[in-house]
Amino acid sequence: MSLQLWSLFSAHPAKLINLLALLFACPGGWLLHSTRRREQQARASLAAQAGRANTDNQVHLASIATLRMNRFFYAFGFACLGLALLVSWISTRV
């Protein structure tokens, strides 16, 4: 069985490289999506809390650690997508 898979990959190396690109792209896209969704939920929660308090003086700021974590997740997600694009581009050259 493994010999058949190896012969399939050796016959079509571009497909194997595209599979590698897909393995980079899917987690990167999921990370970007989940980070954005978590930010939107946090903003909606803060808006609901501010609406119940009925005070304009309350300013809710996200903690610095959360902002740094979101920035890291965005950078890592875009890096994964960029790497996937590069690997996919390389597969067209093979």
PDB file of N, CA and C in Angstrom:
ATOM      1  N   MET A   1       0.815  -1.194   0.000  1.00  0.00           N
ATOM      2  CA  MET A   1       0.000   0.000   0.000  1.00  0.00           C
ATOM      3  C   MET A   1       0.866   1.268   0.000  1.00  0.00           C
ATOM      4  N   SER A   2       1.870   1.307   0.872  1.00  0.00           N
ATOM      5  CA  SER A   2       2.704   2.503   0.950  1.00  0.00           C
ATOM      6  C   SER A   2       3.527   2.674  -0.318  1.00  0.00           C
ATOM      7  N   LEU A   3       3.891   1.571  -0.965  1.00  0.00           N
ATOM      8  CA  LEU A   3       4.638   1.655  -2.218  1.00  0.00           C
ATOM      9  C   LEU A   3       3.772   2.262  -3.320  1.00  0.00           C
ATOM     10  N   GLN A   4       2.475   1.956  -3.299  1.00  0.00           N
ATOM     11  CA  GLN A   4       1.564   2.538  -4.283  1.00  0.00           C
ATOM     12  C   GLN A   4       1.425   4.048  -4.072  1.00  0.00           C
ATOM     13  N   LEU A   5       1.348   4.463  -2.830  1.00  0.00           N
ATOM     14  CA  LEU A   5       1.253   5.898  -2.551  1.00  0.00           C
ATOM     15  C   LEU A   5       2.528   6.610  -2.968  1.00  0.00           C
ATOM     16  N   TRP A   6       3.677   5.998  -2.699  1.00  0.00           N
ATOM     17  CA  TRP A   6       4.933   6.627  -3.078  1.00  0.00           C
ATOM     18  C   TRP A   6       5.042   6.769  -4.595  1.00  0.00           C
ATOM     19  N   SER A   7       4.617   5.742  -5.336  1.00  0.00           N
ATOM     20  CA  SER A   7       4.673   5.839  -6.795  1.00  0.00           C
ATOM     21  C   SER A   7       3.696   6.897  -7.314  1.00  0.00           C
ATOM     22  N   LEU A   8       2.561   7.060  -6.646  1.00  0.00           N
ATOM     23  CA  LEU A   8       1.610   8.101  -7.039  1.00  0.00           C
ATOM     24  C   LEU A   8       2.214   9.488  -6.835  1.00  0.00           C
ATOM     25  N   PHE A   9       2.877   9.696  -5.684  1.00  0.00           N
ATOM     26  CA  PHE A   9       3.489  10.989  -5.406  1.00  0.00           C
ATOM     27  C   PHE A   9       4.698  11.262  -6.289  1.00  0.00           C
ATOM     28  N   SER A  10       5.454  10.219  -6.591  1.00  0.00           N
ATOM     29  CA  SER A  10       6.619  10.436  -7.449  1.00  0.00           C
ATOM     30  C   SER A  10       6.199  10.702  -8.886  1.00  0.00           C
ATOM     31  N   ALA A  11       5.034  10.210  -9.269  1.00  0.00           N
ATOM     32  CA  ALA A  11       4.538  10.464 -10.626  1.00  0.00           C
ATOM     33  C   ALA A  11       3.959  11.870 -10.752  1.00  0.00           C
ATOM     34  N   HIS A  12       3.450  12.415  -9.656  1.00  0.00           N
ATOM     35  CA  HIS A  12       2.824  13.744  -9.670  1.00  0.00           C
ATOM     36  C   HIS A  12       3.371  14.585  -8.514  1.00  0.00           C
ATOM     37  N   PRO A  13       4.587  15.107  -8.632  1.00  0.00           N
ATOM     38  CA  PRO A  13       5.151  15.874  -7.502  1.00  0.00           C
ATOM     39  C   PRO A  13       4.428  17.189  -7.248  1.00  0.00           C
ATOM     40  N   ALA A  14       3.836  17.795  -8.262  1.00  0.00           N
ATOM     41  CA  ALA A  14       3.137  19.064  -8.061  1.00  0.00           C
ATOM     42  C   ALA A  14       1.919  18.878  -7.152  1.00  0.00           C
ATOM     43  N   LYS A  15       1.267  17.738  -7.248  1.00  0.00           N
ATOM     44  CA  LYS A  15       0.113  17.480  -6.374  1.00  0.00           C
ATOM     45  C   LYS A  15       0.543  17.354  -4.925  1.00  0.00           C
ATOM     46  N   LEU A  16       1.686  16.738  -4.700  1.00  0.00           N
ATOM     47  CA  LEU A  16       2.190  16.613  -3.339  1.00  0.00           C
ATOM     48  C   LEU A  16       2.553  17.983  -2.774  1.00  0.00           C
ATOM     49  N   ILE A  17       3.153  18.823  -3.592  1.00  0.00           N
ATOM     50  CA  ILE A  17       3.520  20.171  -3.137  1.00  0.00           C
ATOM     51  C   ILE A  17       2.266  20.999  -2.881  1.00  0.00           C
ATOM     52  N   ASN A  18       1.242  20.843  -3.714  1.00  0.00           N
ATOM     53  CA  ASN A  18      -0.019  21.557  -3.479  1.00  0.00           C
ATOM     54  C   ASN A  18      -0.712  21.060  -2.213  1.00  0.00           C
ATOM     55  N   LEU A  19      -0.571  19.774  -1.914  1.00  0.00           N
ATOM     56  CA  LEU A  19      -1.118  19.249  -0.672  1.00  0.00           C
ATOM     57  C   LEU A  19      -0.423  19.886   0.521  1.00  0.00           C
ATOM     58  N   LEU A  20       0.872  20.072   0.418  1.00  0.00           N
ATOM     59  CA  LEU A  20       1.617  20.751   1.474  1.00  0.00           C
ATOM     60  C   LEU A  20       1.135  22.204   1.625  1.00  0.00           C
ATOM     61  N   ALA A  21       0.893  22.870   0.506  1.00  0.00           N
ATOM     62  CA  ALA A  21       0.376  24.240   0.553  1.00  0.00           C
ATOM     63  C   ALA A  21      -0.993  24.284   1.226  1.00  0.00           C
ATOM     64  N   LEU A  22      -1.818  23.303   0.944  1.00  0.00           N
ATOM     65  CA  LEU A  22      -3.133  23.234   1.567  1.00  0.00           C
ATOM     66  C   LEU A  22      -3.021  23.008   3.070  1.00  0.00           C
ATOM     67  N   LEU A  23      -2.039  22.222   3.479  1.00  0.00           N
ATOM     68  CA  LEU A  23      -1.836  21.977   4.906  1.00  0.00           C
ATOM     69  C   LEU A  23      -1.342  23.224   5.631  1.00  0.00           C
ATOM     70  N   PHE A  24      -0.744  24.169   4.916  1.00  0.00           N
ATOM     71  CA  PHE A  24      -0.383  25.458   5.516  1.00  0.00           C
ATOM     72  C   PHE A  24      -1.559  26.427   5.490  1.00  0.00           C
ATOM     73  N   ALA A  25      -2.338  26.401   4.425  1.00  0.00           N
ATOM     74  CA  ALA A  25      -3.399  27.392   4.232  1.00  0.00           C
ATOM     75  C   ALA A  25      -4.591  27.169   5.165  1.00  0.00           C
ATOM     76  N   CYS A  26      -4.989  25.941   5.357  1.00  0.00           N
ATOM     77  CA  CYS A  26      -6.187  25.686   6.171  1.00  0.00           C
ATOM     78  C   CYS A  26      -6.031  26.142   7.624  1.00  0.00           C
ATOM     79  N   PRO A  27      -4.957  25.779   8.324  1.00  0.00           N
ATOM     80  CA  PRO A  27      -4.835  26.291   9.702  1.00  0.00           C
ATOM     81  C   PRO A  27      -4.664  27.810   9.762  1.00  0.00           C
ATOM     82  N   GLY A  28      -3.968  28.388   8.778  1.00  0.00           N
ATOM     83  CA  GLY A  28      -3.805  29.841   8.766  1.00  0.00           C
ATOM     84  C   GLY A  28      -5.121  30.556   8.577  1.00  0.00           C
ATOM     85  N   GLY A  29      -5.932  30.082   7.657  1.00  0.00           N
ATOM     86  CA  GLY A  29      -7.250  30.676   7.440  1.00  0.00           C
ATOM     87  C   GLY A  29      -8.159  30.499   8.639  1.00  0.00           C
ATOM     88  N   TRP A  30      -8.104  29.308   9.259  1.00  0.00           N
ATOM     89  CA  TRP A  30      -8.924  29.069  10.441  1.00  0.00           C
ATOM     90  C   TRP A  30      -8.497  29.982  11.578  1.00  0.00           C
ATOM     91  N   LEU A  31      -7.197  30.188  11.736  1.00  0.00           N
ATOM     92  CA  LEU A  31      -6.695  31.050  12.799  1.00  0.00           C
ATOM     93  C   LEU A  31      -7.144  32.494  12.600  1.00  0.00           C
ATOM     94  N   LEU A  32      -7.079  32.987  11.371  1.00  0.00           N
ATOM     95  CA  LEU A  32      -7.549  34.348  11.092  1.00  0.00           C
ATOM     96  C   LEU A  32      -9.042  34.477  11.353  1.00  0.00           C
ATOM     97  N   HIS A  33      -9.801  33.491  10.907  1.00  0.00           N
ATOM     98  CA  HIS A  33     -11.259  33.535  11.096  1.00  0.00           C
ATOM     99  C   HIS A  33     -11.624  33.500  12.579  1.00  0.00           C
ATOM    100  N   SER A  34     -11.009  32.603  13.324  1.00  0.00           N
ATOM    101  CA  SER A  34     -11.378  32.475  14.737  1.00  0.00           C
ATOM    102  C   SER A  34     -10.935  33.692  15.550  1.00  0.00           C
ATOM    103  N   THR A  35      -9.805  34.294  15.189  1.00  0.00           N
ATOM    104  CA  THR A  35      -9.359  35.499  15.892  1.00  0.00           C
ATOM    105  C   THR A  35     -10.324  36.647  15.638  1.00  0.00           C
ATOM    106  N   ARG A  36     -10.734  36.806  14.395  1.00  0.00           N
ATOM    107  CA  ARG A  36     -11.682  37.876  14.059  1.00  0.00           C
ATOM    108  C   ARG A  36     -13.022  37.656  14.756  1.00  0.00           C
ATOM    109  N   ARG A  37     -13.470  36.415  14.789  1.00  0.00           N
ATOM    110  CA  ARG A  37     -14.742  36.106  15.437  1.00  0.00           C
ATOM    111  C   ARG A  37     -14.673  36.368  16.947  1.00  0.00           C
ATOM    112  N   ARG A  38     -13.550  36.007  17.566  1.00  0.00           N
ATOM    113  CA  ARG A  38     -13.380  36.255  18.997  1.00  0.00           C
ATOM    114  C   ARG A  38     -13.368  37.755  19.289  1.00  0.00           C
ATOM    115  N   GLU A  39     -12.736  38.547  18.420  1.00  0.00           N
ATOM    116  CA  GLU A  39     -12.740  40.000  18.595  1.00  0.00           C
ATOM    117  C   GLU A  39     -14.146  40.569  18.491  1.00  0.00           C
ATOM    118  N   GLN A  40     -14.920  40.102  17.518  1.00  0.00           N
ATOM    119  CA  GLN A  40     -16.282  40.608  17.342  1.00  0.00           C
ATOM    120  C   GLN A  40     -17.163  40.244  18.531  1.00  0.00           C
ATOM    121  N   GLN A  41     -17.008  39.042  19.055  1.00  0.00           N
ATOM    122  CA  GLN A  41     -17.799  38.647  20.218  1.00  0.00           C
ATOM    123  C   GLN A  41     -17.430  39.474  21.441  1.00  0.00           C
ATOM    124  N   ALA A  42     -16.156  39.767  21.607  1.00  0.00           N
ATOM    125  CA  ALA A  42     -15.725  40.584  22.753  1.00  0.00           C
ATOM    126  C   ALA A  42     -16.274  41.999  22.630  1.00  0.00           C
ATOM    127  N   ARG A  43     -16.249  42.552  21.427  1.00  0.00           N
ATOM    128  CA  ARG A  43     -16.786  43.910  21.232  1.00  0.00           C
ATOM    129  C   ARG A  43     -18.297  43.945  21.471  1.00  0.00           C
ATOM    130  N   ALA A  44     -18.998  42.915  21.034  1.00  0.00           N
ATOM    131  CA  ALA A  44     -20.445  42.866  21.257  1.00  0.00           C
ATOM    132  C   ALA A  44     -20.754  42.742  22.749  1.00  0.00           C
ATOM    133  N   SER A  45     -19.949  41.961  23.449  1.00  0.00           N
ATOM    134  CA  SER A  45     -20.149  41.809  24.888  1.00  0.00           C
ATOM    135  C   SER A  45     -19.887  43.122  25.614  1.00  0.00           C
ATOM    136  N   LEU A  46     -18.828  43.831  25.230  1.00  0.00           N
ATOM    137  CA  LEU A  46     -18.533  45.121  25.852  1.00  0.00           C
ATOM    138  C   LEU A  46     -19.602  46.160  25.537  1.00  0.00           C
ATOM    139  N   ALA A  47     -20.142  46.121  24.323  1.00  0.00           N
ATOM    140  CA  ALA A  47     -21.203  47.062  23.955  1.00  0.00           C
ATOM    141  C   ALA A  47     -22.469  46.778  24.754  1.00  0.00           C
ATOM    142  N   ALA A  48     -22.761  45.510  24.984  1.00  0.00           N
ATOM    143  CA  ALA A  48     -23.950  45.161  25.767  1.00  0.00           C
ATOM    144  C   ALA A  48     -23.784  45.600  27.222  1.00  0.00           C
ATOM    145  N   GLN A  49     -22.576  45.428  27.757  1.00  0.00           N
ATOM    146  CA  GLN A  49     -22.332  45.855  29.132  1.00  0.00           C
ATOM    147  C   GLN A  49     -22.400  47.373  29.252  1.00  0.00           C
ATOM    148  N   ALA A  50     -21.890  48.071  28.274  1.00  0.00           N
ATOM    149  CA  ALA A  50     -21.933  49.535  28.304  1.00  0.00           C
ATOM    150  C   ALA A  50     -23.367  50.028  28.144  1.00  0.00           C
ATOM    151  N   GLY A  51     -24.169  49.309  27.390  1.00  0.00           N
ATOM    152  CA  GLY A  51     -25.564  49.699  27.210  1.00  0.00           C
ATOM    153  C   GLY A  51     -26.373  49.532  28.476  1.00  0.00           C
ATOM    154  N   ARG A  52     -26.057  48.513  29.251  1.00  0.00           N
ATOM    155  CA  ARG A  52     -26.787  48.298  30.497  1.00  0.00           C
ATOM    156  C   ARG A  52     -26.385  49.314  31.564  1.00  0.00           C
ATOM    157  N   ALA A  53     -25.127  49.746  31.512  1.00  0.00           N
ATOM    158  CA  ALA A  53     -24.651  50.672  32.542  1.00  0.00           C
ATOM    159  C   ALA A  53     -25.184  52.093  32.311  1.00  0.00           C
ATOM    160  N   ASN A  54     -25.469  52.417  31.059  1.00  0.00           N
ATOM    161  CA  ASN A  54     -25.992  53.735  30.699  1.00  0.00           C
ATOM    162  C   ASN A  54     -25.090  54.878  31.161  1.00  0.00           C
ATOM    163  N   THR A  55     -23.825  54.664  31.150  1.00  0.00           N
ATOM    164  CA  THR A  55     -22.890  55.735  31.477  1.00  0.00           C
ATOM    165  C   THR A  55     -21.903  55.863  30.334  1.00  0.00           C
ATOM    166  N   ASP A  56     -21.689  57.105  29.918  1.00  0.00           N
ATOM    167  CA  ASP A  56     -20.751  57.354  28.838  1.00  0.00           C
ATOM    168  C   ASP A  56     -19.322  57.455  29.344  1.00  0.00           C
ATOM    169  N   ASN A  57     -19.144  57.578  30.650  1.00  0.00           N
ATOM    170  CA  ASN A  57     -17.801  57.734  31.203  1.00  0.00           C
ATOM    171  C   ASN A  57     -17.041  56.421  31.265  1.00  0.00           C
ATOM    172  N   GLN A  58     -17.747  55.309  31.182  1.00  0.00           N
ATOM    173  CA  GLN A  58     -17.062  54.018  31.242  1.00  0.00           C
ATOM    174  C   GLN A  58     -16.460  53.701  29.886  1.00  0.00           C
ATOM    175  N   VAL A  59     -15.187  53.517  29.896  1.00  0.00           N
ATOM    176  CA  VAL A  59     -14.485  53.153  28.676  1.00  0.00           C
ATOM    177  C   VAL A  59     -13.884  51.779  28.893  1.00  0.00           C
ATOM    178  N   HIS A  60     -14.313  50.850  28.086  1.00  0.00           N
ATOM    179  CA  HIS A  60     -13.806  49.494  28.204  1.00  0.00           C
ATOM    180  C   HIS A  60     -12.698  49.292  27.180  1.00  0.00           C
ATOM    181  N   LEU A  61     -11.532  49.048  27.680  1.00  0.00           N
ATOM    182  CA  LEU A  61     -10.410  48.759  26.802  1.00  0.00           C
ATOM    183  C   LEU A  61      -9.986  47.312  27.019  1.00  0.00           C
ATOM    184  N   ALA A  62      -9.672  46.663  25.937  1.00  0.00           N
ATOM    185  CA  ALA A  62      -9.176  45.297  26.056  1.00  0.00           C
ATOM    186  C   ALA A  62      -7.806  45.339  26.712  1.00  0.00           C
ATOM    187  N   SER A  63      -7.476  44.301  27.391  1.00  0.00           N
ATOM    188  CA  SER A  63      -6.183  44.277  28.064  1.00  0.00           C
ATOM    189  C   SER A  63      -5.059  44.232  27.023  1.00  0.00           C
ATOM    190  N   ILE A  64      -3.914  44.691  27.425  1.00  0.00           N
ATOM    191  CA  ILE A  64      -2.757  44.743  26.537  1.00  0.00           C
ATOM    192  C   ILE A  64      -2.361  43.338  26.093  1.00  0.00           C
ATOM    193  N   ALA A  65      -2.449  42.384  27.003  1.00  0.00           N
ATOM    194  CA  ALA A  65      -2.083  41.004  26.654  1.00  0.00           C
ATOM    195  C   ALA A  65      -2.994  40.442  25.571  1.00  0.00           C
ATOM    196  N   THR A  66      -4.281  40.740  25.648  1.00  0.00           N
ATOM    197  CA  THR A  66      -5.220  40.262  24.639  1.00  0.00           C
ATOM    198  C   THR A  66      -4.943  40.894  23.283  1.00  0.00           C
ATOM    199  N   LEU A  67      -4.645  42.182  23.291  1.00  0.00           N
ATOM    200  CA  LEU A  67      -4.324  42.855  22.031  1.00  0.00           C
ATOM    201  C   LEU A  67      -3.056  42.294  21.408  1.00  0.00           C
ATOM    202  N   ARG A  68      -2.065  42.017  22.226  1.00  0.00           N
ATOM    203  CA  ARG A  68      -0.825  41.448  21.708  1.00  0.00           C
ATOM    204  C   ARG A  68      -1.040  40.036  21.173  1.00  0.00           C
ATOM    205  N   MET A  69      -1.875  39.261  21.875  1.00  0.00           N
ATOM    206  CA  MET A  69      -2.172  37.905  21.428  1.00  0.00           C
ATOM    207  C   MET A  69      -2.901  37.928  20.091  1.00  0.00           C
ATOM    208  N   ASN A  70      -3.879  38.819  19.940  1.00  0.00           N
ATOM    209  CA  ASN A  70      -4.599  38.925  18.672  1.00  0.00           C
ATOM    210  C   ASN A  70      -3.668  39.357  17.547  1.00  0.00           C
ATOM    211  N   ARG A  71      -2.770  40.305  17.839  1.00  0.00           N
ATOM    212  CA  ARG A  71      -1.818  40.751  16.830  1.00  0.00           C
ATOM    213  C   ARG A  71      -0.896  39.609  16.401  1.00  0.00           C
ATOM    214  N   PHE A  72      -0.456  38.791  17.369  1.00  0.00           N
ATOM    215  CA  PHE A  72       0.381  37.636  17.037  1.00  0.00           C
ATOM    216  C   PHE A  72      -0.387  36.631  16.188  1.00  0.00           C
ATOM    217  N   PHE A  73      -1.652  36.364  16.555  1.00  0.00           N
ATOM    218  CA  PHE A  73      -2.450  35.404  15.793  1.00  0.00           C
ATOM    219  C   PHE A  73      -2.687  35.892  14.369  1.00  0.00           C
ATOM    220  N   TYR A  74      -2.940  37.186  14.202  1.00  0.00           N
ATOM    221  CA  TYR A  74      -3.097  37.730  12.852  1.00  0.00           C
ATOM    222  C   TYR A  74      -1.807  37.581  12.053  1.00  0.00           C
ATOM    223  N   ALA A  75      -0.678  37.913  12.654  1.00  0.00           N
ATOM    224  CA  ALA A  75       0.606  37.809  11.956  1.00  0.00           C
ATOM    225  C   ALA A  75       0.911  36.359  11.594  1.00  0.00           C
ATOM    226  N   PHE A  76       0.674  35.445  12.520  1.00  0.00           N
ATOM    227  CA  PHE A  76       0.947  34.031  12.258  1.00  0.00           C
ATOM    228  C   PHE A  76       0.007  33.478  11.186  1.00  0.00           C
ATOM    229  N   GLY A  77      -1.264  33.863  11.236  1.00  0.00           N
ATOM    230  CA  GLY A  77      -2.222  33.409  10.221  1.00  0.00           C
ATOM    231  C   GLY A  77      -1.867  33.906   8.836  1.00  0.00           C
ATOM    232  N   PHE A  78      -1.507  35.199   8.729  1.00  0.00           N
ATOM    233  CA  PHE A  78      -1.109  35.730   7.426  1.00  0.00           C
ATOM    234  C   PHE A  78       0.206  35.118   6.954  1.00  0.00           C
ATOM    235  N   ALA A  79       1.109  34.807   7.889  1.00  0.00           N
ATOM    236  CA  ALA A  79       2.359  34.144   7.506  1.00  0.00           C
ATOM    237  C   ALA A  79       2.077  32.745   6.956  1.00  0.00           C
ATOM    238  N   CYS A  80       1.143  32.038   7.563  1.00  0.00           N
ATOM    239  CA  CYS A  80       0.765  30.713   7.051  1.00  0.00           C
ATOM    240  C   CYS A  80       0.176  30.818   5.651  1.00  0.00           C
ATOM    241  N   LEU A  81      -0.687  31.794   5.440  1.00  0.00           N
ATOM    242  CA  LEU A  81      -1.274  31.966   4.112  1.00  0.00           C
ATOM    243  C   LEU A  81      -0.227  32.394   3.091  1.00  0.00           C
ATOM    244  N   GLY A  82       0.705  33.232   3.489  1.00  0.00           N
ATOM    245  CA  GLY A  82       1.778  33.632   2.586  1.00  0.00           C
ATOM    246  C   GLY A  82       2.678  32.467   2.235  1.00  0.00           C
ATOM    247  N   LEU A  83       2.986  31.630   3.222  1.00  0.00           N
ATOM    248  CA  LEU A  83       3.794  30.447   2.963  1.00  0.00           C
ATOM    249  C   LEU A  83       3.062  29.479   2.046  1.00  0.00           C
ATOM    250  N   ALA A  84       1.766  29.344   2.242  1.00  0.00           N
ATOM    251  CA  ALA A  84       0.976  28.479   1.363  1.00  0.00           C
ATOM    252  C   ALA A  84       0.978  29.006  -0.069  1.00  0.00           C
ATOM    253  N   LEU A  85       0.877  30.308  -0.223  1.00  0.00           N
ATOM    254  CA  LEU A  85       0.929  30.902  -1.555  1.00  0.00           C
ATOM    255  C   LEU A  85       2.286  30.657  -2.204  1.00  0.00           C
ATOM    256  N   LEU A  86       3.341  30.816  -1.439  1.00  0.00           N
ATOM    257  CA  LEU A  86       4.685  30.584  -1.963  1.00  0.00           C
ATOM    258  C   LEU A  86       4.888  29.126  -2.362  1.00  0.00           C
ATOM    259  N   VAL A  87       4.445  28.211  -1.525  1.00  0.00           N
ATOM    260  CA  VAL A  87       4.587  26.786  -1.833  1.00  0.00           C
ATOM    261  C   VAL A  87       3.745  26.422  -3.045  1.00  0.00           C
ATOM    262  N   SER A  88       2.562  26.984  -3.152  1.00  0.00           N
ATOM    263  CA  SER A  88       1.720  26.719  -4.313  1.00  0.00           C
ATOM    264  C   SER A  88       2.352  27.271  -5.578  1.00  0.00           C
ATOM    265  N   TRP A  89       2.971  28.436  -5.484  1.00  0.00           N
ATOM    266  CA  TRP A  89       3.646  29.019  -6.640  1.00  0.00           C
ATOM    267  C   TRP A  89       4.838  28.139  -7.054  1.00  0.00           C
ATOM    268  N   ILE A  90       5.542  27.586  -6.069  1.00  0.00           N
ATOM    269  CA  ILE A  90       6.653  26.696  -6.368  1.00  0.00           C
ATOM    270  C   ILE A  90       6.176  25.454  -7.088  1.00  0.00           C
ATOM    271  N   SER A  91       4.976  24.980  -6.739  1.00  0.00           N
ATOM    272  CA  SER A  91       4.464  23.771  -7.397  1.00  0.00           C
ATOM    273  C   SER A  91       4.205  23.996  -8.886  1.00  0.00           C
ATOM    274  N   THR A  92       3.986  25.240  -9.295  1.00  0.00           N
ATOM    275  CA  THR A  92       3.784  25.497 -10.723  1.00  0.00           C
ATOM    276  C   THR A  92       5.098  25.470 -11.474  1.00  0.00           C
ATOM    277  N   ARG A  93       6.211  25.607 -10.745  1.00  0.00           N
ATOM    278  CA  ARG A  93       7.542  25.605 -11.369  1.00  0.00           C
ATOM    279  C   ARG A  93       8.119  24.199 -11.488  1.00  0.00           C
ATOM    280  N   VAL A  94       7.527  23.228 -10.779  1.00  0.00           N
ATOM    281  CA  VAL A  94       8.056  21.852 -10.798  1.00  0.00           C
ATOM    282  C   VAL A  94       7.613  21.131 -12.041  1.00  0.00           C
TER     283      VAL A  94
END
